Amino acid sequence: MPFFGRDRETHVAENTIDARSGSACLFVGEPGIGKTRWARQIAARHDTVVVSASPSERMWPYSGLSATAAALGGARGAAIDRLLARGRDWPEHLLAEEISRTLHLVHDEPAVLVIDDLDEMDSGSVTVLSFVFSRLRGTGLTVIATADSDGDRHDFTGMLHTRVQRLSFDESVDLARSVLGPGTAQAVLYTVAEFTGGDPGSIVRVRLTPREAAGDDPLPLPLRVTDDRARRRRDGRLAGDPRVTSLLDLLSVGPVFSFDRLTLIAQEQSVDLDALIDDGLVAVHGEFARIADPARRLRHHASLSADERRRLHAQAAAAHEETHPATFLWHTSFGAPDADREPLLCAAVDLASGGDHLGAIEFAERAMAGDLADDVRCRHLVDLGDALVLQGHDVQGRHYLRRAGRAAEPTLRARRPSRVCVRPRRSSTWSTRPPSPSPWMPTTGAPPSTSCARALSYISGTGRSGAPASSSRRRSSTGSPQPRPLSWCACSTSSDPTPSPRSPSIPVSPRCSPTSRSRSSRQCSN
């Protein structure tokens, strides 16, 4: 598989190696982010080997130090081997001082040593090497090492530390294409890149059928991944507070969760929800919460068994039954495949209009996994495509317009957003602060003419200057915009956008009114 990204980390490593006077750099990143593959690339460039710490050898004293000496070879490796033979019973600080002094006395060619998972070595080797690697100047030995970022350890403070970042969006798309095949639809690649959060360990485990990859069948969201690795790490996932893990498992099975209901559940389980928000594990906006990191959500979901997922869907459905009908229908659809899916498409349109394109895509794909009448499917997919295009997500918007079955009249499509209910935006991101509800306000005026012209140009397949729409896409680098409340997404024959106090499930989007239905039906006829 081709290697993608890591230009910044490679640049730092090459500058460290080019100094040739002797130094050490530690690259720290979360598990599964691609540190091992990157370390092998650096080793291949400099014709050296990678020292990999074996968890099974952690109980052997100085096993990591012995592997380091073997990888060095030459005069340096032989000198360290002689010291180990004489000083295995020495105190760790004395052995570390002798090895450091020996490396400065040995005259050998400059060398590069690459160590993967340095923090996984036995404790004795970690103590000795942390002392030695902080005093390499003048030895001609350059060490490039990787370590996980988990835990509160303070080893290797004398080494230069560099954080290994996740892949950029474009790098994630390229990696997804290499995993899923060159025939994968561009909109599917975008969706995979966004729903994996740039985590290469998650992207390489995504598995789609040929029709799903081509965009002909709905995507399974959360994405389907090979779960062998996730299940092997299940004990690690549960190593923290099991109450926190249980709460994150509940959040992982759905796109959003009512913040009020989540607060009650957290109180029942004695979980400090504010601490999870402050730590960036949970994001909140408006009246909804979700796991902040898409990759973390995917790992939690992949680690759940089928029985656990069914139980959590039932729990989430019960929590939203009376207050959030669209979210309730999302969870019940897994146990009732023949249920009406049109309200889910209505929810997708409203979320896209409010700026939460990830939530909109998740609701739309779930809706299309069931049976929908052709006119219903066409009507709402046209609305969804319009909303995504006007929000700047051109590739995915045009994808849903194509999946509508027949292109609607472009001029009519460009006029339709004037009926969208929008929310005044205070922030374009999901916040880590408790929600402060604000009312939804329907707009009555027509959109600016520039928006209509832009929508028409993208829908017709060209950008502002005639270029393909995909080249003019706009994305937010700060997170997902705020969603509209999903309790307003259930379809109804009422055109009143104000919720009835007697029935919380009847508030509607103007897109689901009888007038818009009949007008859209004429678009999708023939």
Protein backbone atom coordinates (compact mmCIF):
# COMPACT_ATOMS: atom_id res chain seq x y z
CA MET A 1 0.00 0.00 0.00
CA PRO A 2 1.41 3.46 -0.89
CA PHE A 3 2.60 5.72 1.91
CA PHE A 4 0.66 8.98 2.36
CA GLY A 5 1.40 12.19 4.20
CA ARG A 6 3.75 12.71 7.14
CA ASP A 7 5.71 15.43 5.31
CA ARG A 8 6.10 17.51 8.46
CA GLU A 9 7.30 14.59 10.60
CA THR A 10 9.67 13.42 7.85
CA HIS A 11 11.13 16.94 7.55
CA VAL A 12 11.84 17.07 11.31
CA ALA A 13 13.44 13.61 11.25
CA GLU A 14 15.64 14.41 8.25
CA ASN A 15 16.86 17.65 9.82
CA THR A 16 17.75 15.74 12.99
CA ILE A 17 19.66 13.09 11.03
CA ASP A 18 21.45 15.64 8.82
CA ALA A 19 23.04 17.23 11.90
CA ARG A 20 25.18 14.04 12.23
CA SER A 21 26.65 15.20 15.53
CA GLY A 22 24.40 12.99 17.61
CA SER A 23 20.86 13.66 18.86
CA ALA A 24 17.54 11.96 19.56
CA CYS A 25 13.98 12.87 18.57
CA LEU A 26 10.84 11.22 19.95
CA PHE A 27 7.68 11.21 17.80
CA VAL A 28 4.61 10.89 20.00
CA GLY A 29 1.14 9.97 18.75
CA GLU A 30 -1.99 8.06 19.61
CA PRO A 31 -2.16 4.31 18.86
CA GLY A 32 -3.05 3.44 15.29
CA ILE A 33 -2.07 6.79 13.81
CA GLY A 34 0.65 5.25 11.60
CA LYS A 35 3.84 5.69 13.62
CA THR A 36 5.15 2.18 12.85
CA ARG A 37 4.70 2.52 9.09
CA TRP A 38 6.33 5.93 9.14
CA ALA A 39 9.28 4.60 11.21
CA ARG A 40 9.84 1.89 8.62
CA GLN A 41 9.90 4.51 5.87
CA ILE A 42 12.62 6.46 7.71
CA ALA A 43 14.62 3.27 8.30
CA ALA A 44 14.37 2.31 4.61
CA ARG A 45 15.62 5.75 3.56
CA HIS A 46 18.77 5.38 5.66
CA ASP A 47 19.38 1.66 5.17
CA THR A 48 18.95 0.72 8.80
CA VAL A 49 16.70 -1.57 10.79
CA VAL A 50 13.77 -0.80 13.09
CA VAL A 51 14.05 -1.90 16.71
CA SER A 52 10.56 -2.96 17.76
CA ALA A 53 9.80 -3.39 21.42
CA SER A 54 8.10 -6.71 22.12
CA PRO A 55 5.48 -6.68 24.90
CA SER A 56 6.28 -10.33 25.61
CA GLU A 57 9.86 -9.35 26.57
CA ARG A 58 8.94 -6.59 29.04
CA MET A 59 9.54 -8.94 31.96
CA TRP A 60 13.14 -9.62 30.88
CA PRO A 61 15.62 -7.16 32.43
CA TYR A 62 17.34 -4.98 29.83
CA SER A 63 15.77 -6.84 26.90
CA GLY A 64 15.20 -3.53 25.13
CA LEU A 65 18.77 -2.42 25.74
CA SER A 66 20.05 -5.71 24.32
CA ALA A 67 17.92 -5.29 21.17
CA THR A 68 19.26 -1.73 20.78
CA ALA A 69 22.87 -2.93 20.96
CA ALA A 70 22.19 -5.65 18.38
CA ALA A 71 20.65 -3.13 15.97
CA LEU A 72 23.60 -0.74 16.33
CA GLY A 73 26.24 -3.33 15.46
CA GLY A 74 29.80 -2.26 14.80
CA ALA A 75 32.03 -0.89 17.52
CA ARG A 76 29.12 0.77 19.38
CA GLY A 77 27.06 -2.42 19.58
CA ALA A 78 30.03 -4.51 20.69
CA ALA A 79 30.93 -2.02 23.44
CA ILE A 80 27.37 -1.97 24.81
CA ASP A 81 27.23 -5.78 24.75
CA ARG A 82 30.42 -5.98 26.82
CA LEU A 83 28.99 -3.54 29.36
CA LEU A 84 25.76 -5.53 29.62
CA ALA A 85 27.70 -8.74 30.22
CA ARG A 86 29.56 -7.14 33.12
CA GLY A 87 26.94 -4.81 34.54
CA ARG A 88 23.56 -6.55 34.60
CA ASP A 89 23.65 -6.41 38.39
CA TRP A 90 24.75 -2.78 38.50
CA PRO A 91 22.35 -0.03 39.59
CA GLU A 92 20.51 1.48 36.63
CA HIS A 93 22.09 4.92 37.03
CA LEU A 94 25.61 3.45 37.03
CA LEU A 95 24.97 1.35 33.92
CA ALA A 96 23.47 4.39 32.15
CA GLU A 97 26.52 6.54 32.95
CA GLU A 98 28.92 3.84 31.69
CA ILE A 99 27.01 3.37 28.41
CA SER A 100 26.91 7.13 27.81
CA ARG A 101 30.65 7.45 28.49
CA THR A 102 31.41 4.49 26.23
CA LEU A 103 29.44 5.95 23.29
CA HIS A 104 31.49 9.14 23.53
CA LEU A 105 34.77 7.20 23.58
CA VAL A 106 33.99 4.82 20.69
CA HIS A 107 35.07 6.11 17.26
CA ASP A 108 32.74 4.88 14.56
CA GLU A 109 30.90 6.17 11.50
CA PRO A 110 27.75 8.28 12.09
CA ALA A 111 24.75 5.99 12.39
CA VAL A 112 20.95 6.20 12.50
CA LEU A 113 18.92 4.08 14.91
CA VAL A 114 15.12 3.82 14.55
CA ILE A 115 13.12 2.50 17.51
CA ASP A 116 9.38 1.86 17.35
CA ASP A 117 7.28 1.95 20.54
CA LEU A 118 10.17 2.97 22.74
CA ASP A 119 7.82 3.28 25.72
CA GLU A 120 6.91 -0.43 25.40
CA MET A 121 10.39 -1.60 26.45
CA ASP A 122 11.08 -3.02 29.92
CA SER A 123 11.35 -0.44 32.69
CA GLY A 124 15.11 -0.92 33.15
CA SER A 125 15.84 -0.25 29.49
CA VAL A 126 13.54 2.79 29.51
CA THR A 127 15.38 4.28 32.48
CA VAL A 128 18.85 3.67 31.02
CA LEU A 129 18.05 4.79 27.48
CA SER A 130 16.24 7.95 28.63
CA PHE A 131 19.53 8.99 30.29
CA VAL A 132 21.73 7.95 27.35
CA PHE A 133 19.58 9.48 24.59
CA SER A 134 19.56 12.88 26.26
CA ARG A 135 23.41 12.96 26.06
CA LEU A 136 24.16 11.89 22.48
CA ARG A 137 25.75 15.09 21.22
CA GLY A 138 29.25 14.31 19.98
CA THR A 139 28.67 10.56 19.58
CA GLY A 140 27.61 10.62 15.91
CA LEU A 141 24.56 8.52 16.79
CA THR A 142 21.09 9.79 15.80
CA VAL A 143 18.03 8.13 17.31
CA ILE A 144 14.54 8.43 15.80
CA ALA A 145 11.96 6.86 18.11
CA THR A 146 8.19 6.63 18.42
CA ALA A 147 5.95 6.32 21.47
CA ASP A 148 2.26 6.42 22.35
CA SER A 149 0.86 9.57 23.87
CA ASP A 150 -1.32 7.76 26.40
CA GLY A 151 -0.47 7.87 30.10
CA ASP A 152 1.22 10.36 32.38
CA ARG A 153 4.80 9.14 32.03
CA HIS A 154 7.63 11.68 32.01
CA ASP A 155 10.37 9.51 30.50
CA PHE A 156 12.62 10.85 27.75
CA THR A 157 12.21 14.46 28.79
CA GLY A 158 15.73 15.14 27.50
CA MET A 159 14.74 14.25 23.92
CA LEU A 160 13.17 16.53 21.36
CA HIS A 161 9.44 15.70 21.23
CA THR A 162 7.32 16.02 18.07
CA ARG A 163 3.62 15.31 17.93
CA VAL A 164 2.48 12.99 15.12
CA GLN A 165 -0.64 14.57 13.66
CA ARG A 166 -3.49 12.86 11.87
CA LEU A 167 -3.74 12.97 8.11
CA SER A 168 -5.09 16.04 6.38
CA PHE A 169 -8.40 15.79 4.55
CA ASP A 170 -6.78 15.41 1.11
CA GLU A 171 -4.32 12.81 2.44
CA SER A 172 -7.25 10.92 4.01
CA VAL A 173 -9.08 10.92 0.66
CA ASP A 174 -5.98 9.59 -1.13
CA LEU A 175 -5.51 6.83 1.47
CA ALA A 176 -9.20 5.89 1.28
CA ARG A 177 -8.94 5.63 -2.51
CA SER A 178 -5.95 3.28 -2.23
CA VAL A 179 -7.88 1.11 0.28
CA LEU A 180 -11.27 1.05 -1.44
CA GLY A 181 -10.12 1.11 -5.07
CA PRO A 182 -9.85 3.68 -7.86
CA GLY A 183 -13.50 3.17 -8.84
CA THR A 184 -14.80 4.55 -5.54
CA ALA A 185 -17.12 7.53 -5.92
CA GLN A 186 -15.61 10.85 -4.88
CA ALA A 187 -18.48 11.57 -2.50
CA VAL A 188 -17.93 8.20 -0.81
CA LEU A 189 -14.23 9.00 -0.38
CA TYR A 190 -15.14 12.34 1.19
CA THR A 191 -17.57 10.65 3.56
CA VAL A 192 -15.02 8.01 4.60
CA ALA A 193 -12.37 10.70 5.19
CA GLU A 194 -14.69 12.76 7.38
CA PHE A 195 -16.20 9.89 9.35
CA THR A 196 -12.74 8.51 10.23
CA GLY A 197 -11.38 11.86 11.41
CA GLY A 198 -8.12 11.55 9.47
CA ASP A 199 -7.07 8.48 11.47
CA PRO A 200 -5.13 6.21 9.08
CA GLY A 201 -5.61 3.22 11.38
CA SER A 202 -9.36 3.54 10.92
CA ILE A 203 -9.26 4.30 7.19
CA VAL A 204 -7.29 1.15 6.28
CA ARG A 205 -9.85 -0.99 8.15
CA VAL A 206 -12.94 0.34 6.33
CA ARG A 207 -14.69 -2.32 4.27
CA LEU A 208 -17.40 -1.53 1.69
CA THR A 209 -19.12 -3.62 -0.94
CA PRO A 210 -18.47 -2.67 -4.60
CA ARG A 211 -21.91 -1.06 -4.89
CA GLU A 212 -21.42 0.89 -1.66
CA ALA A 213 -18.03 2.12 -2.85
CA ALA A 214 -19.52 3.17 -6.19
CA GLY A 215 -22.24 5.15 -4.41
CA ASP A 216 -25.07 2.95 -5.71
CA ASP A 217 -26.02 1.48 -2.31
CA PRO A 218 -26.34 3.37 1.00
CA LEU A 219 -23.24 3.52 3.18
CA PRO A 220 -23.30 1.75 6.55
CA LEU A 221 -22.79 4.54 9.07
CA PRO A 222 -20.98 4.23 11.42
CA LEU A 223 -18.67 2.71 8.84
CA ARG A 224 -18.12 -1.02 8.63
CA VAL A 225 -14.56 -1.88 9.68
CA THR A 226 -12.60 -5.06 10.24
CA ASP A 227 -12.93 -5.48 13.98
CA ASP A 228 -10.18 -7.99 14.80
CA ARG A 229 -7.78 -5.25 15.83
CA ALA A 230 -10.50 -3.37 17.71
CA ARG A 231 -11.46 -6.47 19.66
CA ARG A 232 -7.82 -7.17 20.54
CA ARG A 233 -7.70 -3.67 22.01
CA ARG A 234 -11.00 -4.05 23.82
CA ASP A 235 -9.26 -4.55 27.13
CA GLY A 236 -7.36 -1.34 26.52
CA ARG A 237 -10.59 0.49 25.73
CA LEU A 238 -12.02 -0.67 29.04
CA ALA A 239 -8.85 0.00 30.99
CA GLY A 240 -10.17 3.41 32.10
CA ASP A 241 -13.31 4.10 34.07
CA PRO A 242 -15.89 1.51 32.88
CA ARG A 243 -18.68 4.01 33.56
CA VAL A 244 -17.15 6.48 31.11
CA THR A 245 -16.65 3.69 28.57
CA SER A 246 -20.30 2.69 28.93
CA LEU A 247 -21.44 6.26 28.31
CA LEU A 248 -19.22 6.64 25.21
CA ASP A 249 -20.49 3.29 23.92
CA LEU A 250 -24.03 4.66 24.15
CA LEU A 251 -23.04 7.79 22.21
CA SER A 252 -21.23 5.74 19.55
CA VAL A 253 -24.35 4.02 18.20
CA GLY A 254 -26.07 7.21 17.04
CA PRO A 255 -25.20 10.44 15.23
CA VAL A 256 -26.43 12.71 18.06
CA PHE A 257 -27.84 12.35 21.56
CA SER A 258 -30.07 14.64 23.57
CA PHE A 259 -27.89 16.59 25.99
CA ASP A 260 -30.63 16.69 28.64
CA ARG A 261 -31.13 12.93 28.49
CA LEU A 262 -27.36 12.36 28.46
CA THR A 263 -27.02 14.51 31.58
CA LEU A 264 -29.58 12.38 33.41
CA ILE A 265 -27.90 9.13 32.33
CA ALA A 266 -24.49 10.46 33.40
CA GLN A 267 -25.87 11.38 36.81
CA GLU A 268 -27.38 7.91 37.21
CA GLN A 269 -23.99 6.34 36.40
CA SER A 270 -22.06 8.84 38.56
CA VAL A 271 -20.12 10.15 35.56
CA ASP A 272 -18.87 13.74 35.52
CA LEU A 273 -20.19 14.84 32.12
CA ASP A 274 -18.65 18.32 32.46
CA ALA A 275 -15.22 16.70 32.83
CA LEU A 276 -15.75 14.73 29.60
CA ILE A 277 -16.71 17.95 27.83
CA ASP A 278 -13.69 19.80 29.21
CA ASP A 279 -11.39 16.94 28.16
CA GLY A 280 -12.72 17.11 24.61
CA LEU A 281 -14.28 13.63 24.63
CA VAL A 282 -17.84 14.91 24.23
CA ALA A 283 -18.93 17.85 22.07
CA VAL A 284 -22.17 19.75 22.69
CA HIS A 285 -24.10 22.17 20.55
CA GLY A 286 -27.63 23.34 21.04
CA GLU A 287 -29.59 20.52 22.60
CA PHE A 288 -27.46 17.68 21.29
CA ALA A 289 -24.21 15.93 22.20
CA ARG A 290 -21.92 13.55 20.35
CA ILE A 291 -18.47 12.00 20.65
CA ALA A 292 -16.13 14.78 19.57
CA ASP A 293 -13.66 12.58 17.66
CA PRO A 294 -15.13 10.55 14.75
CA ALA A 295 -12.26 8.05 14.98
CA ARG A 296 -12.90 7.46 18.68
CA ARG A 297 -16.57 6.91 17.97
CA LEU A 298 -15.70 4.42 15.23
CA ARG A 299 -13.36 2.50 17.55
CA HIS A 300 -16.01 2.28 20.25
CA HIS A 301 -18.66 1.15 17.78
CA ALA A 302 -16.40 -1.45 16.15
CA SER A 303 -15.61 -2.95 19.55
CA LEU A 304 -19.26 -3.60 20.37
CA SER A 305 -20.83 -6.97 19.73
CA ALA A 306 -24.12 -7.27 17.85
CA ASP A 307 -26.03 -7.89 21.08
CA GLU A 308 -24.43 -4.85 22.71
CA ARG A 309 -25.40 -2.66 19.76
CA ARG A 310 -29.01 -3.84 19.87
CA ARG A 311 -29.18 -3.14 23.59
CA LEU A 312 -27.72 0.35 23.20
CA HIS A 313 -30.04 1.18 20.28
CA ALA A 314 -33.01 0.21 22.45
CA GLN A 315 -31.71 2.35 25.31
CA ALA A 316 -31.14 5.35 23.05
CA ALA A 317 -34.56 4.94 21.42
CA ALA A 318 -36.27 4.94 24.81
CA ALA A 319 -34.37 8.09 25.80
CA HIS A 320 -35.60 10.02 22.71
CA GLU A 321 -39.07 8.59 22.18
CA GLU A 322 -41.03 11.51 23.64
CA THR A 323 -38.76 14.44 22.87
CA HIS A 324 -36.82 13.77 19.66
CA PRO A 325 -38.85 11.63 17.21
CA ALA A 326 -36.30 11.66 14.40
CA THR A 327 -33.51 10.38 16.65
CA PHE A 328 -35.98 7.84 18.05
CA LEU A 329 -36.73 6.62 14.50
CA TRP A 330 -33.01 6.40 13.74
CA HIS A 331 -32.45 3.90 16.54
CA THR A 332 -35.66 1.90 16.04
CA SER A 333 -34.90 1.49 12.32
CA PHE A 334 -32.21 -1.04 13.21
CA GLY A 335 -34.81 -3.30 14.81
CA ALA A 336 -37.69 -2.45 12.46
CA PRO A 337 -36.33 -2.46 8.89
CA ASP A 338 -39.80 -2.00 7.39
CA ALA A 339 -40.54 1.23 9.30
CA ASP A 340 -41.26 4.47 7.45
CA ARG A 341 -37.94 6.11 6.56
CA GLU A 342 -39.28 9.39 5.17
CA PRO A 343 -38.94 11.25 8.52
CA LEU A 344 -35.25 10.36 8.52
CA LEU A 345 -34.83 12.05 5.14
CA CYS A 346 -36.70 15.09 6.46
CA ALA A 347 -34.26 15.19 9.37
CA ALA A 348 -31.33 14.96 6.94
CA VAL A 349 -32.64 17.95 4.96
CA ASP A 350 -33.11 20.04 8.09
CA LEU A 351 -29.65 19.16 9.44
CA ALA A 352 -28.02 20.04 6.12
CA SER A 353 -29.91 23.34 6.01
CA GLY A 354 -28.70 24.10 9.54
CA GLY A 355 -25.07 23.38 8.65
CA ASP A 356 -24.52 19.90 10.16
CA HIS A 357 -23.63 18.03 6.98
CA LEU A 358 -22.20 14.99 8.80
CA GLY A 359 -25.44 14.44 10.70
CA ALA A 360 -27.40 15.01 7.49
CA ILE A 361 -25.38 12.39 5.60
CA GLU A 362 -25.79 9.86 8.41
CA PHE A 363 -29.57 10.31 8.55
CA ALA A 364 -29.86 10.22 4.75
CA GLU A 365 -27.86 7.03 4.32
CA ARG A 366 -29.88 5.35 7.06
CA ALA A 367 -33.13 6.44 5.41
CA MET A 368 -32.10 5.08 2.01
CA ALA A 369 -31.24 1.71 3.55
CA GLY A 370 -35.01 1.07 3.77
CA ASP A 371 -37.88 1.14 1.31
CA LEU A 372 -38.86 4.57 0.01
CA ALA A 373 -41.37 5.50 -2.67
CA ASP A 374 -39.66 6.91 -5.76
CA ASP A 375 -41.36 10.29 -5.52
CA VAL A 376 -40.56 10.59 -1.80
CA ARG A 377 -36.93 9.60 -2.38
CA CYS A 378 -36.52 12.02 -5.27
CA ARG A 379 -38.20 14.93 -3.51
CA HIS A 380 -36.12 14.81 -0.34
CA LEU A 381 -32.83 13.96 -2.05
CA VAL A 382 -33.26 17.02 -4.27
CA ASP A 383 -33.81 19.11 -1.14
CA LEU A 384 -30.82 17.50 0.57
CA GLY A 385 -28.56 18.04 -2.42
CA ASP A 386 -29.63 21.68 -2.65
CA ALA A 387 -28.91 22.28 1.04
CA LEU A 388 -25.48 20.63 0.90
CA VAL A 389 -24.48 22.59 -2.21
CA LEU A 390 -25.54 25.88 -0.66
CA GLN A 391 -23.52 25.01 2.48
CA GLY A 392 -20.42 24.50 0.34
CA HIS A 393 -20.34 20.67 0.31
CA ASP A 394 -20.57 20.46 -3.46
CA VAL A 395 -19.29 16.94 -4.09
CA GLN A 396 -21.67 15.34 -1.63
CA GLY A 397 -24.55 17.61 -2.63
CA ARG A 398 -24.26 16.69 -6.30
CA HIS A 399 -23.95 13.04 -5.29
CA TYR A 400 -27.41 13.14 -3.67
CA LEU A 401 -28.85 15.08 -6.60
CA ARG A 402 -27.68 12.28 -8.90
CA ARG A 403 -29.13 9.66 -6.55
CA ALA A 404 -32.51 11.39 -6.72
CA GLY A 405 -33.12 9.40 -9.90
CA ARG A 406 -33.75 12.31 -12.22
CA ALA A 407 -32.31 15.80 -12.29
CA ALA A 408 -34.81 18.43 -11.23
CA GLU A 409 -35.24 21.77 -12.99
CA PRO A 410 -32.15 23.79 -11.97
CA THR A 411 -33.91 27.15 -11.74
CA LEU A 412 -36.53 25.75 -9.39
CA ARG A 413 -33.82 24.13 -7.27
CA ALA A 414 -32.01 27.42 -6.89
CA ARG A 415 -35.19 29.08 -5.60
CA ARG A 416 -36.07 26.39 -3.07
CA PRO A 417 -33.58 27.42 -0.32
CA SER A 418 -35.65 30.58 0.31
CA ARG A 419 -38.09 28.38 2.25
CA VAL A 420 -35.44 26.82 4.48
CA CYS A 421 -35.68 27.34 8.26
CA VAL A 422 -32.30 28.49 9.47
CA ARG A 423 -30.88 29.18 12.89
CA PRO A 424 -28.87 32.29 13.76
CA ARG A 425 -25.28 31.07 14.04
CA ARG A 426 -23.29 32.01 17.08
CA SER A 427 -20.58 29.49 16.35
CA SER A 428 -19.72 27.18 13.47
CA THR A 429 -18.38 24.41 15.67
CA TRP A 430 -19.58 21.87 18.18
CA SER A 431 -18.72 23.41 21.53
CA THR A 432 -17.26 21.90 24.67
CA ARG A 433 -19.44 24.16 26.77
CA PRO A 434 -22.93 23.34 28.11
CA PRO A 435 -25.69 24.22 25.62
CA SER A 436 -27.70 27.41 25.69
CA PRO A 437 -30.86 26.87 23.61
CA SER A 438 -31.90 29.56 21.17
CA PRO A 439 -35.11 29.62 19.12
CA TRP A 440 -35.39 28.62 15.51
CA MET A 441 -36.37 31.46 13.23
CA PRO A 442 -37.91 30.86 9.79
CA THR A 443 -36.69 33.24 7.13
CA THR A 444 -39.17 34.71 4.70
CA GLY A 445 -37.06 36.67 2.28
CA ALA A 446 -35.51 35.28 -0.88
CA PRO A 447 -31.83 34.35 -0.78
CA PRO A 448 -29.32 36.69 -2.39
CA SER A 449 -29.11 36.39 -6.13
CA THR A 450 -25.44 35.42 -5.88
CA SER A 451 -26.40 32.34 -3.85
CA CYS A 452 -28.95 31.33 -6.47
CA ALA A 453 -26.43 31.75 -9.26
CA ARG A 454 -23.81 29.80 -7.33
CA ALA A 455 -26.22 26.96 -6.57
CA LEU A 456 -27.31 26.82 -10.21
CA SER A 457 -23.71 26.70 -11.46
CA TYR A 458 -22.74 23.87 -9.09
CA ILE A 459 -25.87 21.86 -9.73
CA SER A 460 -25.26 22.10 -13.46
CA GLY A 461 -21.79 20.63 -12.88
CA THR A 462 -19.54 23.68 -13.06
CA GLY A 463 -18.13 26.05 -10.52
CA ARG A 464 -18.12 29.81 -10.58
CA SER A 465 -15.79 29.98 -13.55
CA GLY A 466 -16.85 26.80 -15.30
CA ALA A 467 -14.51 24.48 -13.39
CA PRO A 468 -15.81 21.24 -11.89
CA ALA A 469 -17.60 21.82 -8.62
CA SER A 470 -15.30 19.50 -6.70
CA SER A 471 -12.40 21.89 -7.24
CA SER A 472 -14.30 24.73 -5.55
CA ARG A 473 -15.44 22.91 -2.45
CA ARG A 474 -15.26 24.72 0.86
CA ARG A 475 -14.67 22.87 4.09
CA SER A 476 -14.48 23.90 7.72
CA SER A 477 -11.27 22.91 9.51
CA THR A 478 -12.68 23.66 12.96
CA GLY A 479 -15.38 21.01 13.23
CA SER A 480 -18.96 20.27 12.34
CA PRO A 481 -21.42 23.16 12.31
CA GLN A 482 -24.32 23.18 14.69
CA PRO A 483 -27.28 20.93 13.93
CA ARG A 484 -30.91 21.87 13.90
CA PRO A 485 -33.03 20.22 16.61
CA LEU A 486 -34.18 16.89 15.26
CA SER A 487 -37.50 17.10 17.04
CA TRP A 488 -38.42 19.46 14.21
CA CYS A 489 -37.69 16.94 11.51
CA ALA A 490 -40.70 14.64 11.55
CA CYS A 491 -42.85 15.02 8.44
CA SER A 492 -46.37 16.31 8.89
CA THR A 493 -49.20 17.80 6.88
CA SER A 494 -49.00 20.95 8.99
CA SER A 495 -47.16 24.01 7.72
CA ASP A 496 -46.96 25.65 11.14
CA PRO A 497 -43.31 25.56 12.28
CA THR A 498 -44.24 26.02 15.93
CA PRO A 499 -44.29 22.87 18.08
CA SER A 500 -47.59 21.91 19.58
CA PRO A 501 -47.47 21.59 23.38
CA ARG A 502 -49.72 18.54 23.18
CA SER A 503 -47.64 16.58 20.70
CA PRO A 504 -43.86 17.10 20.46
CA SER A 505 -43.59 15.03 17.31
CA ILE A 506 -45.57 17.25 14.95
CA PRO A 507 -43.20 20.19 14.34
CA VAL A 508 -42.12 20.13 10.74
CA SER A 509 -39.77 21.64 8.29
CA PRO A 510 -41.38 23.76 5.57
CA ARG A 511 -39.83 21.29 3.10
CA CYS A 512 -42.30 18.67 4.28
CA SER A 513 -45.41 20.82 3.84
CA PRO A 514 -48.13 19.83 1.31
CA THR A 515 -47.23 22.75 -0.96
CA SER A 516 -43.59 21.79 -1.25
CA ARG A 517 -44.50 18.12 -1.63
CA SER A 518 -46.74 18.73 -4.61
CA ARG A 519 -44.27 21.14 -6.19
CA SER A 520 -41.39 18.66 -5.76
CA SER A 521 -43.51 15.79 -7.02
CA ARG A 522 -43.91 17.60 -10.32
CA GLN A 523 -40.10 17.90 -10.50
CA CYS A 524 -39.56 14.19 -10.00
CA SER A 525 -42.34 13.02 -12.33
CA ASN A 526 -41.77 11.47 -15.72
